[in-house]
Amino acid sequence: NGGRARSEGVELEAVLRPTRGFVVRYNAAYTDARLLDDSPAVSARAGDPIPYVPKWSLGADASYTFALTGTWDASFGVNYQLQDKRVSGFALDARRFTLPSYDTVDLRAALVSTDGLEFNAFIRNLGDSRGIANTDPAGDTIRAALIQPRTFGVGVRKSF
């Protein structure tokens, strides 16, 4: 019901292993997603960007793993994600607005034994970023779904 659309872009992913146990990953994506036809049923004109599709998405991850003892390895990692600004609707939609860009940083650590026992801990969204994932107009209000707030956790896992 939105007419024809086109999505073009490019993605880049790289992995670097500068030393034993140290891994750095990087990814970037550029997307140009637009309608090709007018679509009055959804308040859209040809050339309108597709709602909720960011132009840029970036991510980086670094992790380091090393032998702690003869039977235990330790690992630490950090992850960064950036989501570019997006529009919430098409150009003729009176409730359309630009959702701001946001970024998150996650931290993690683990102890893993040679027999498959793992103890881990994490912090997601360290800076407690309040990124808006999407919106939903309802009457005179607009509801917004936020990304997961800062979250701490621990876990235990056993591989067999």
N, C-alpha and C. Protein backbone atom coordinates (compact mmCIF):
# COMPACT_ATOMS: atom_id res chain seq x y z
N ASN A 1 0.82 -1.20 0.00
CA ASN A 1 0.00 0.00 0.00
C ASN A 1 0.86 1.26 0.00
N GLY A 2 2.16 1.13 -0.18
CA GLY A 2 3.03 2.29 -0.22
C GLY A 2 3.61 2.56 -1.59
N GLY A 3 3.18 1.84 -2.62
CA GLY A 3 3.74 2.03 -3.94
C GLY A 3 5.12 1.42 -4.06
N ARG A 4 5.77 1.72 -5.18
CA ARG A 4 7.11 1.19 -5.40
C ARG A 4 8.13 1.94 -4.55
N ALA A 5 9.16 1.21 -4.13
CA ALA A 5 10.23 1.80 -3.33
C ALA A 5 11.57 1.27 -3.82
N ARG A 6 12.62 1.99 -3.46
CA ARG A 6 13.98 1.57 -3.82
C ARG A 6 14.86 1.73 -2.59
N SER A 7 15.68 0.74 -2.35
CA SER A 7 16.65 0.80 -1.25
C SER A 7 18.02 0.45 -1.80
N GLU A 8 18.93 1.42 -1.75
CA GLU A 8 20.28 1.21 -2.23
C GLU A 8 21.25 1.60 -1.12
N GLY A 9 22.40 0.98 -1.13
CA GLY A 9 23.38 1.32 -0.10
C GLY A 9 24.63 0.49 -0.23
N VAL A 10 25.43 0.61 0.80
CA VAL A 10 26.69 -0.12 0.84
C VAL A 10 26.98 -0.49 2.29
N GLU A 11 27.61 -1.64 2.47
CA GLU A 11 28.00 -2.09 3.81
C GLU A 11 29.49 -2.43 3.79
N LEU A 12 30.12 -2.20 4.94
CA LEU A 12 31.52 -2.52 5.10
C LEU A 12 31.68 -3.24 6.42
N GLU A 13 32.45 -4.31 6.39
CA GLU A 13 32.75 -5.04 7.62
C GLU A 13 34.21 -5.42 7.59
N ALA A 14 34.88 -5.22 8.72
CA ALA A 14 36.30 -5.55 8.81
C ALA A 14 36.59 -6.21 10.15
N VAL A 15 37.56 -7.13 10.14
CA VAL A 15 38.01 -7.80 11.36
C VAL A 15 39.53 -7.68 11.40
N LEU A 16 40.02 -7.25 12.55
CA LEU A 16 41.45 -7.08 12.74
C LEU A 16 41.86 -7.89 13.96
N ARG A 17 42.95 -8.65 13.83
CA ARG A 17 43.49 -9.45 14.93
C ARG A 17 44.95 -9.03 15.14
N PRO A 18 45.18 -7.91 15.85
CA PRO A 18 46.54 -7.38 15.97
C PRO A 18 47.48 -8.24 16.82
N THR A 19 46.97 -8.95 17.81
CA THR A 19 47.78 -9.85 18.63
C THR A 19 46.94 -11.07 18.98
N ARG A 20 47.58 -12.08 19.50
CA ARG A 20 46.87 -13.29 19.91
C ARG A 20 45.82 -12.94 20.98
N GLY A 21 44.58 -13.33 20.77
CA GLY A 21 43.51 -13.11 21.72
C GLY A 21 42.81 -11.78 21.61
N PHE A 22 43.35 -10.84 20.81
CA PHE A 22 42.74 -9.52 20.68
C PHE A 22 42.07 -9.42 19.31
N VAL A 23 40.77 -9.13 19.30
CA VAL A 23 40.01 -9.04 18.05
C VAL A 23 39.23 -7.72 18.04
N VAL A 24 39.32 -7.01 16.92
CA VAL A 24 38.56 -5.77 16.72
C VAL A 24 37.70 -5.96 15.48
N ARG A 25 36.42 -5.67 15.62
CA ARG A 25 35.48 -5.77 14.50
C ARG A 25 34.85 -4.39 14.27
N TYR A 26 34.60 -4.08 13.00
CA TYR A 26 34.00 -2.81 12.64
C TYR A 26 32.98 -3.06 11.54
N ASN A 27 31.85 -2.37 11.63
CA ASN A 27 30.88 -2.44 10.53
C ASN A 27 30.25 -1.07 10.34
N ALA A 28 29.91 -0.79 9.10
CA ALA A 28 29.25 0.46 8.75
C ALA A 28 28.29 0.17 7.60
N ALA A 29 27.17 0.85 7.62
CA ALA A 29 26.19 0.68 6.54
C ALA A 29 25.61 2.04 6.18
N TYR A 30 25.49 2.30 4.89
CA TYR A 30 24.82 3.49 4.38
C TYR A 30 23.63 3.00 3.56
N THR A 31 22.45 3.53 3.83
CA THR A 31 21.24 3.10 3.13
C THR A 31 20.46 4.32 2.65
N ASP A 32 20.08 4.31 1.39
CA ASP A 32 19.20 5.34 0.83
C ASP A 32 17.93 4.62 0.38
N ALA A 33 16.90 4.67 1.22
CA ALA A 33 15.63 3.97 0.94
C ALA A 33 14.54 5.01 0.72
N ARG A 34 13.96 5.02 -0.48
CA ARG A 34 12.96 6.04 -0.84
C ARG A 34 11.81 5.44 -1.65
N LEU A 35 10.66 6.14 -1.58
CA LEU A 35 9.53 5.77 -2.43
C LEU A 35 9.79 6.26 -3.85
N LEU A 36 9.36 5.49 -4.82
CA LEU A 36 9.48 5.89 -6.22
C LEU A 36 8.18 6.48 -6.76
N ASP A 37 7.06 6.21 -6.08
CA ASP A 37 5.75 6.69 -6.54
C ASP A 37 5.04 7.47 -5.44
N ASP A 38 4.18 8.40 -5.85
CA ASP A 38 3.28 9.03 -4.87
C ASP A 38 2.36 7.94 -4.32
N SER A 39 1.99 8.07 -3.07
CA SER A 39 1.09 7.11 -2.45
C SER A 39 0.19 7.85 -1.46
N PRO A 40 -0.87 8.48 -1.96
CA PRO A 40 -1.75 9.27 -1.10
C PRO A 40 -2.36 8.48 0.06
N ALA A 41 -2.53 7.18 -0.09
CA ALA A 41 -3.14 6.37 0.98
C ALA A 41 -2.30 6.39 2.26
N VAL A 42 -1.00 6.60 2.13
CA VAL A 42 -0.13 6.65 3.31
C VAL A 42 0.54 8.02 3.45
N SER A 43 -0.06 9.05 2.83
CA SER A 43 0.45 10.43 2.91
C SER A 43 1.89 10.55 2.43
N ALA A 44 2.18 9.92 1.29
CA ALA A 44 3.57 9.89 0.81
C ALA A 44 3.69 10.42 -0.61
N ARG A 45 4.83 11.02 -0.86
CA ARG A 45 5.18 11.51 -2.19
C ARG A 45 6.41 10.75 -2.70
N ALA A 46 6.53 10.68 -4.01
CA ALA A 46 7.72 10.08 -4.61
C ALA A 46 8.94 10.81 -4.08
N GLY A 47 9.96 10.06 -3.70
CA GLY A 47 11.18 10.65 -3.17
C GLY A 47 11.24 10.69 -1.65
N ASP A 48 10.11 10.46 -0.98
CA ASP A 48 10.11 10.43 0.49
C ASP A 48 11.00 9.29 0.99
N PRO A 49 11.79 9.57 2.04
CA PRO A 49 12.54 8.46 2.65
C PRO A 49 11.59 7.49 3.35
N ILE A 50 11.98 6.22 3.37
CA ILE A 50 11.18 5.20 4.04
C ILE A 50 11.32 5.43 5.55
N PRO A 51 10.19 5.49 6.28
CA PRO A 51 10.27 5.72 7.73
C PRO A 51 11.10 4.67 8.46
N TYR A 52 11.80 5.14 9.49
CA TYR A 52 12.59 4.32 10.42
C TYR A 52 13.84 3.69 9.81
N VAL A 53 14.21 4.08 8.60
CA VAL A 53 15.44 3.55 8.00
C VAL A 53 16.52 4.62 8.11
N PRO A 54 17.56 4.37 8.92
CA PRO A 54 18.62 5.37 9.07
C PRO A 54 19.54 5.40 7.85
N LYS A 55 20.08 6.57 7.57
CA LYS A 55 21.08 6.65 6.49
C LYS A 55 22.34 5.90 6.89
N TRP A 56 22.77 6.05 8.16
CA TRP A 56 24.00 5.46 8.64
C TRP A 56 23.77 4.58 9.85
N SER A 57 24.45 3.46 9.90
CA SER A 57 24.53 2.59 11.08
C SER A 57 25.99 2.20 11.21
N LEU A 58 26.53 2.36 12.41
CA LEU A 58 27.94 2.04 12.64
C LEU A 58 28.06 1.16 13.87
N GLY A 59 29.08 0.33 13.88
CA GLY A 59 29.33 -0.51 15.04
C GLY A 59 30.80 -0.88 15.14
N ALA A 60 31.26 -1.06 16.36
CA ALA A 60 32.63 -1.51 16.60
C ALA A 60 32.62 -2.39 17.84
N ASP A 61 33.48 -3.40 17.82
CA ASP A 61 33.56 -4.33 18.94
C ASP A 61 35.02 -4.71 19.13
N ALA A 62 35.47 -4.69 20.37
CA ALA A 62 36.83 -5.13 20.69
C ALA A 62 36.75 -6.13 21.81
N SER A 63 37.51 -7.22 21.69
CA SER A 63 37.52 -8.22 22.76
C SER A 63 38.95 -8.75 22.93
N TYR A 64 39.23 -9.14 24.15
CA TYR A 64 40.54 -9.69 24.47
C TYR A 64 40.34 -10.93 25.34
N THR A 65 40.94 -12.04 24.93
CA THR A 65 40.85 -13.30 25.66
C THR A 65 42.26 -13.78 25.97
N PHE A 66 42.46 -14.26 27.19
CA PHE A 66 43.79 -14.73 27.58
C PHE A 66 43.65 -15.85 28.60
N ALA A 67 44.69 -16.68 28.70
CA ALA A 67 44.71 -17.78 29.66
C ALA A 67 44.94 -17.20 31.05
N LEU A 68 44.05 -17.53 31.96
CA LEU A 68 44.17 -17.06 33.33
C LEU A 68 44.94 -18.09 34.17
N THR A 69 44.58 -19.35 33.98
CA THR A 69 45.28 -20.48 34.61
C THR A 69 45.36 -21.58 33.55
N GLY A 70 45.79 -22.73 33.94
CA GLY A 70 45.86 -23.85 33.00
C GLY A 70 44.50 -24.31 32.52
N THR A 71 43.45 -24.07 33.30
CA THR A 71 42.11 -24.55 32.93
C THR A 71 41.08 -23.44 32.75
N TRP A 72 41.46 -22.20 32.97
CA TRP A 72 40.51 -21.08 32.85
C TRP A 72 41.05 -19.99 31.93
N ASP A 73 40.16 -19.50 31.06
CA ASP A 73 40.44 -18.33 30.22
C ASP A 73 39.58 -17.18 30.71
N ALA A 74 40.08 -15.96 30.55
CA ALA A 74 39.31 -14.76 30.88
C ALA A 74 39.12 -13.96 29.59
N SER A 75 38.01 -13.29 29.48
CA SER A 75 37.79 -12.42 28.32
C SER A 75 37.07 -11.15 28.76
N PHE A 76 37.39 -10.08 28.05
CA PHE A 76 36.77 -8.78 28.28
C PHE A 76 36.41 -8.20 26.93
N GLY A 77 35.34 -7.42 26.88
CA GLY A 77 34.96 -6.82 25.61
C GLY A 77 34.15 -5.56 25.77
N VAL A 78 34.16 -4.78 24.71
CA VAL A 78 33.36 -3.56 24.64
C VAL A 78 32.74 -3.49 23.25
N ASN A 79 31.52 -3.00 23.18
CA ASN A 79 30.80 -2.89 21.92
C ASN A 79 30.20 -1.49 21.82
N TYR A 80 30.30 -0.88 20.64
CA TYR A 80 29.73 0.45 20.39
C TYR A 80 28.80 0.36 19.19
N GLN A 81 27.62 0.96 19.29
CA GLN A 81 26.66 1.00 18.18
C GLN A 81 26.13 2.42 18.01
N LEU A 82 26.02 2.88 16.76
CA LEU A 82 25.46 4.19 16.45
C LEU A 82 24.32 4.01 15.45
N GLN A 83 23.20 4.60 15.76
CA GLN A 83 22.04 4.58 14.87
C GLN A 83 21.77 6.02 14.46
N ASP A 84 21.80 6.31 13.17
CA ASP A 84 21.60 7.66 12.67
C ASP A 84 20.13 8.09 12.84
N LYS A 85 19.88 9.37 12.68
CA LYS A 85 18.51 9.89 12.78
C LYS A 85 17.65 9.25 11.68
N ARG A 86 16.34 9.20 11.93
CA ARG A 86 15.37 8.64 11.00
C ARG A 86 14.10 9.47 11.07
N VAL A 87 13.26 9.36 10.04
CA VAL A 87 11.95 10.02 10.09
C VAL A 87 10.91 9.01 10.53
N SER A 88 9.85 9.51 11.17
CA SER A 88 8.82 8.62 11.71
C SER A 88 7.66 8.40 10.75
N GLY A 89 7.64 9.09 9.64
CA GLY A 89 6.54 8.93 8.70
C GLY A 89 6.91 9.57 7.37
N PHE A 90 5.95 9.61 6.47
CA PHE A 90 6.17 10.22 5.16
C PHE A 90 5.94 11.73 5.22
N ALA A 91 6.35 12.45 4.18
CA ALA A 91 6.38 13.91 4.19
C ALA A 91 5.03 14.58 4.43
N LEU A 92 3.95 13.99 3.95
CA LEU A 92 2.63 14.62 4.10
C LEU A 92 1.94 14.25 5.41
N ASP A 93 2.57 13.41 6.21
CA ASP A 93 2.01 12.99 7.50
C ASP A 93 2.23 14.12 8.52
N ALA A 94 1.13 14.68 9.04
CA ALA A 94 1.22 15.81 9.99
C ALA A 94 1.95 15.42 11.27
N ARG A 95 2.00 14.12 11.58
CA ARG A 95 2.67 13.66 12.81
C ARG A 95 4.09 13.17 12.57
N ARG A 96 4.60 13.46 11.41
CA ARG A 96 5.97 13.06 11.09
C ARG A 96 6.97 13.95 11.83
N PHE A 97 8.00 13.34 12.35
CA PHE A 97 9.09 14.10 12.94
C PHE A 97 10.37 13.28 12.82
N THR A 98 11.47 13.92 13.08
CA THR A 98 12.76 13.26 12.98
C THR A 98 13.15 12.67 14.32
N LEU A 99 13.39 11.37 14.33
CA LEU A 99 13.87 10.70 15.53
C LEU A 99 15.38 10.94 15.61
N PRO A 100 15.89 11.42 16.73
CA PRO A 100 17.32 11.73 16.82
C PRO A 100 18.19 10.48 16.79
N SER A 101 19.43 10.67 16.37
CA SER A 101 20.38 9.56 16.40
C SER A 101 20.69 9.21 17.85
N TYR A 102 21.19 8.01 18.06
CA TYR A 102 21.60 7.60 19.40
C TYR A 102 22.73 6.59 19.28
N ASP A 103 23.46 6.43 20.38
CA ASP A 103 24.51 5.44 20.41
C ASP A 103 24.49 4.71 21.75
N THR A 104 25.08 3.52 21.76
CA THR A 104 25.15 2.71 22.98
C THR A 104 26.53 2.10 23.10
N VAL A 105 26.91 1.86 24.35
CA VAL A 105 28.15 1.16 24.67
C VAL A 105 27.80 0.01 25.61
N ASP A 106 28.28 -1.18 25.29
CA ASP A 106 28.08 -2.36 26.12
C ASP A 106 29.44 -2.88 26.58
N LEU A 107 29.48 -3.40 27.81
CA LEU A 107 30.70 -4.02 28.35
C LEU A 107 30.39 -5.46 28.74
N ARG A 108 31.40 -6.33 28.65
CA ARG A 108 31.20 -7.72 29.03
C ARG A 108 32.51 -8.32 29.54
N ALA A 109 32.38 -9.35 30.37
CA ALA A 109 33.54 -10.07 30.89
C ALA A 109 33.10 -11.51 31.13
N ALA A 110 34.05 -12.44 31.02
CA ALA A 110 33.71 -13.86 31.24
C ALA A 110 34.93 -14.64 31.71
N LEU A 111 34.65 -15.68 32.45
CA LEU A 111 35.63 -16.71 32.82
C LEU A 111 35.11 -18.01 32.23
N VAL A 112 35.96 -18.70 31.45
CA VAL A 112 35.53 -19.94 30.78
C VAL A 112 36.55 -21.03 31.08
N SER A 113 36.03 -22.18 31.55
CA SER A 113 36.91 -23.30 31.85
C SER A 113 37.06 -24.21 30.63
N THR A 114 38.10 -25.02 30.64
CA THR A 114 38.33 -25.94 29.53
C THR A 114 37.24 -27.01 29.44
N ASP A 115 36.49 -27.25 30.53
CA ASP A 115 35.41 -28.23 30.47
C ASP A 115 34.06 -27.60 30.12
N GLY A 116 34.05 -26.32 29.68
CA GLY A 116 32.82 -25.71 29.18
C GLY A 116 31.99 -24.93 30.18
N LEU A 117 32.48 -24.73 31.38
CA LEU A 117 31.75 -23.93 32.37
C LEU A 117 32.12 -22.46 32.16
N GLU A 118 31.09 -21.61 32.13
CA GLU A 118 31.32 -20.18 31.90
C GLU A 118 30.57 -19.34 32.94
N PHE A 119 31.27 -18.35 33.48
CA PHE A 119 30.67 -17.32 34.33
C PHE A 119 30.83 -16.00 33.56
N ASN A 120 29.74 -15.24 33.42
CA ASN A 120 29.86 -14.00 32.67
C ASN A 120 29.08 -12.86 33.34
N ALA A 121 29.45 -11.66 32.99
CA ALA A 121 28.78 -10.46 33.48
C ALA A 121 28.74 -9.44 32.35
N PHE A 122 27.73 -8.58 32.36
CA PHE A 122 27.62 -7.57 31.30
C PHE A 122 26.93 -6.32 31.81
N ILE A 123 27.18 -5.24 31.11
CA ILE A 123 26.42 -4.00 31.25
C ILE A 123 26.04 -3.59 29.84
N ARG A 124 24.77 -3.49 29.58
CA ARG A 124 24.29 -3.04 28.26
C ARG A 124 23.82 -1.60 28.37
N ASN A 125 24.08 -0.83 27.34
CA ASN A 125 23.70 0.58 27.30
C ASN A 125 24.28 1.32 28.51
N LEU A 126 25.58 1.25 28.64
CA LEU A 126 26.31 1.81 29.78
C LEU A 126 25.92 3.26 30.08
N GLY A 127 25.78 4.08 29.06
CA GLY A 127 25.44 5.49 29.25
C GLY A 127 23.96 5.76 29.43
N ASP A 128 23.14 4.70 29.47
CA ASP A 128 21.69 4.82 29.62
C ASP A 128 21.08 5.71 28.56
N SER A 129 21.50 5.53 27.31
CA SER A 129 20.99 6.29 26.17
C SER A 129 19.48 6.08 26.05
N ARG A 130 18.74 7.11 25.72
CA ARG A 130 17.28 7.04 25.58
C ARG A 130 16.85 7.09 24.12
N GLY A 131 17.48 6.26 23.30
CA GLY A 131 17.14 6.23 21.88
C GLY A 131 15.71 5.78 21.65
N ILE A 132 15.09 6.36 20.64
CA ILE A 132 13.71 6.01 20.27
C ILE A 132 13.77 4.99 19.14
N ALA A 133 13.21 3.82 19.39
CA ALA A 133 13.20 2.76 18.37
C ALA A 133 12.11 3.01 17.33
N ASN A 134 10.89 3.36 17.78
CA ASN A 134 9.79 3.69 16.87
C ASN A 134 8.72 4.46 17.61
N THR A 135 7.72 4.91 16.86
CA THR A 135 6.63 5.69 17.45
C THR A 135 5.29 5.13 16.97
N ASP A 136 4.23 5.51 17.69
CA ASP A 136 2.88 5.07 17.36
C ASP A 136 1.90 6.18 17.73
N PRO A 137 1.43 6.95 16.73
CA PRO A 137 0.45 7.99 17.04
C PRO A 137 -0.86 7.35 17.50
N ALA A 138 -1.43 7.88 18.58
CA ALA A 138 -2.71 7.38 19.09
C ALA A 138 -3.52 8.57 19.60
N GLY A 139 -4.51 8.98 18.85
CA GLY A 139 -5.31 10.13 19.26
C GLY A 139 -4.46 11.39 19.29
N ASP A 140 -4.51 12.10 20.40
CA ASP A 140 -3.75 13.34 20.53
C ASP A 140 -2.33 13.13 21.05
N THR A 141 -1.96 11.89 21.29
CA THR A 141 -0.63 11.61 21.82
C THR A 141 0.17 10.77 20.83
N ILE A 142 1.47 10.79 21.01
CA ILE A 142 2.35 9.94 20.22
C ILE A 142 3.15 9.10 21.20
N ARG A 143 2.96 7.81 21.12
CA ARG A 143 3.71 6.90 21.99
C ARG A 143 5.04 6.56 21.33
N ALA A 144 6.06 6.41 22.16
CA ALA A 144 7.38 6.07 21.64
C ALA A 144 7.91 4.84 22.35
N ALA A 145 8.53 3.96 21.61
CA ALA A 145 9.20 2.79 22.18
C ALA A 145 10.68 3.12 22.29
N LEU A 146 11.20 3.11 23.51
CA LEU A 146 12.60 3.41 23.74
C LEU A 146 13.44 2.14 23.69
N ILE A 147 14.71 2.31 23.41
CA ILE A 147 15.62 1.17 23.44
C ILE A 147 15.79 0.71 24.89
N GLN A 148 16.33 -0.47 25.07
CA GLN A 148 16.52 -1.02 26.41
C GLN A 148 17.40 -0.09 27.25
N PRO A 149 16.97 0.25 28.46
CA PRO A 149 17.79 1.11 29.32
C PRO A 149 19.03 0.37 29.82
N ARG A 150 19.86 1.08 30.59
CA ARG A 150 21.05 0.45 31.16
C ARG A 150 20.63 -0.83 31.88
N THR A 151 21.31 -1.92 31.58
CA THR A 151 20.96 -3.22 32.15
C THR A 151 22.23 -3.93 32.59
N PHE A 152 22.21 -4.43 33.81
CA PHE A 152 23.33 -5.20 34.37
C PHE A 152 22.90 -6.65 34.41
N GLY A 153 23.84 -7.57 34.23
CA GLY A 153 23.47 -8.96 34.33
C GLY A 153 24.68 -9.86 34.58
N VAL A 154 24.38 -11.03 35.08
CA VAL A 154 25.39 -12.07 35.27
C VAL A 154 24.78 -13.38 34.79
N GLY A 155 25.62 -14.31 34.45
CA GLY A 155 25.12 -15.59 33.99
C GLY A 155 26.11 -16.71 34.21
N VAL A 156 25.59 -17.91 34.16
CA VAL A 156 26.38 -19.11 34.23
C VAL A 156 25.90 -20.01 33.10
N ARG A 157 26.85 -20.63 32.39
CA ARG A 157 26.49 -21.49 31.27
C ARG A 157 27.42 -22.69 31.28
N LYS A 158 26.91 -23.82 30.85
CA LYS A 158 27.71 -25.04 30.78
C LYS A 158 27.51 -25.68 29.41
N SER A 159 28.58 -25.89 28.68
CA SER A 159 28.54 -26.58 27.40
C SER A 159 28.80 -28.07 27.63
N PHE A 160 28.04 -28.91 26.93
CA PHE A 160 28.22 -30.35 27.06
C PHE A 160 28.66 -30.95 25.75
